[in-house]
Amino acid sequence: MALFFIIVLSTYVLAINFYAFILMLLQKRQTAQKQTPQRIISDGKILLSGTLGGALGVFLSTFFLKYRRDSILIMVLMPIITAIYVYLILKLFSLGFFYR
């Protein structure tokens, strides 16, 4: 049962970070093409994907894509959210949550 939780958690974290990275990539492409405002990915979706576990993907995409590096919200909030998630996962492991 413990292995199942670890696999599910790992898959979720990888999937949500990949989704966050793709959102940033699509937003960069759409703003470069100057598409209509109805089709542009909003910052709310990016922040939501960051708070649901994709903060590391959002933060790393700012450097890989060289996009949104001037956004204080992304540059400060996403590393803090990542640190909180890492702390919570390590705390759950130390309490034996995954080994019951």
Foldseek 3Di string as FASTA:
>chain_A
DLVVVVVVVVVVLVVLLVVLLVLVVQLVVCVVVVDDPVPHDDVVVNVVSLLVRNLVSNQVSCVVVVPPPVPPCSPPVSVVSNVVVVVVVVVCVVVCVSPD
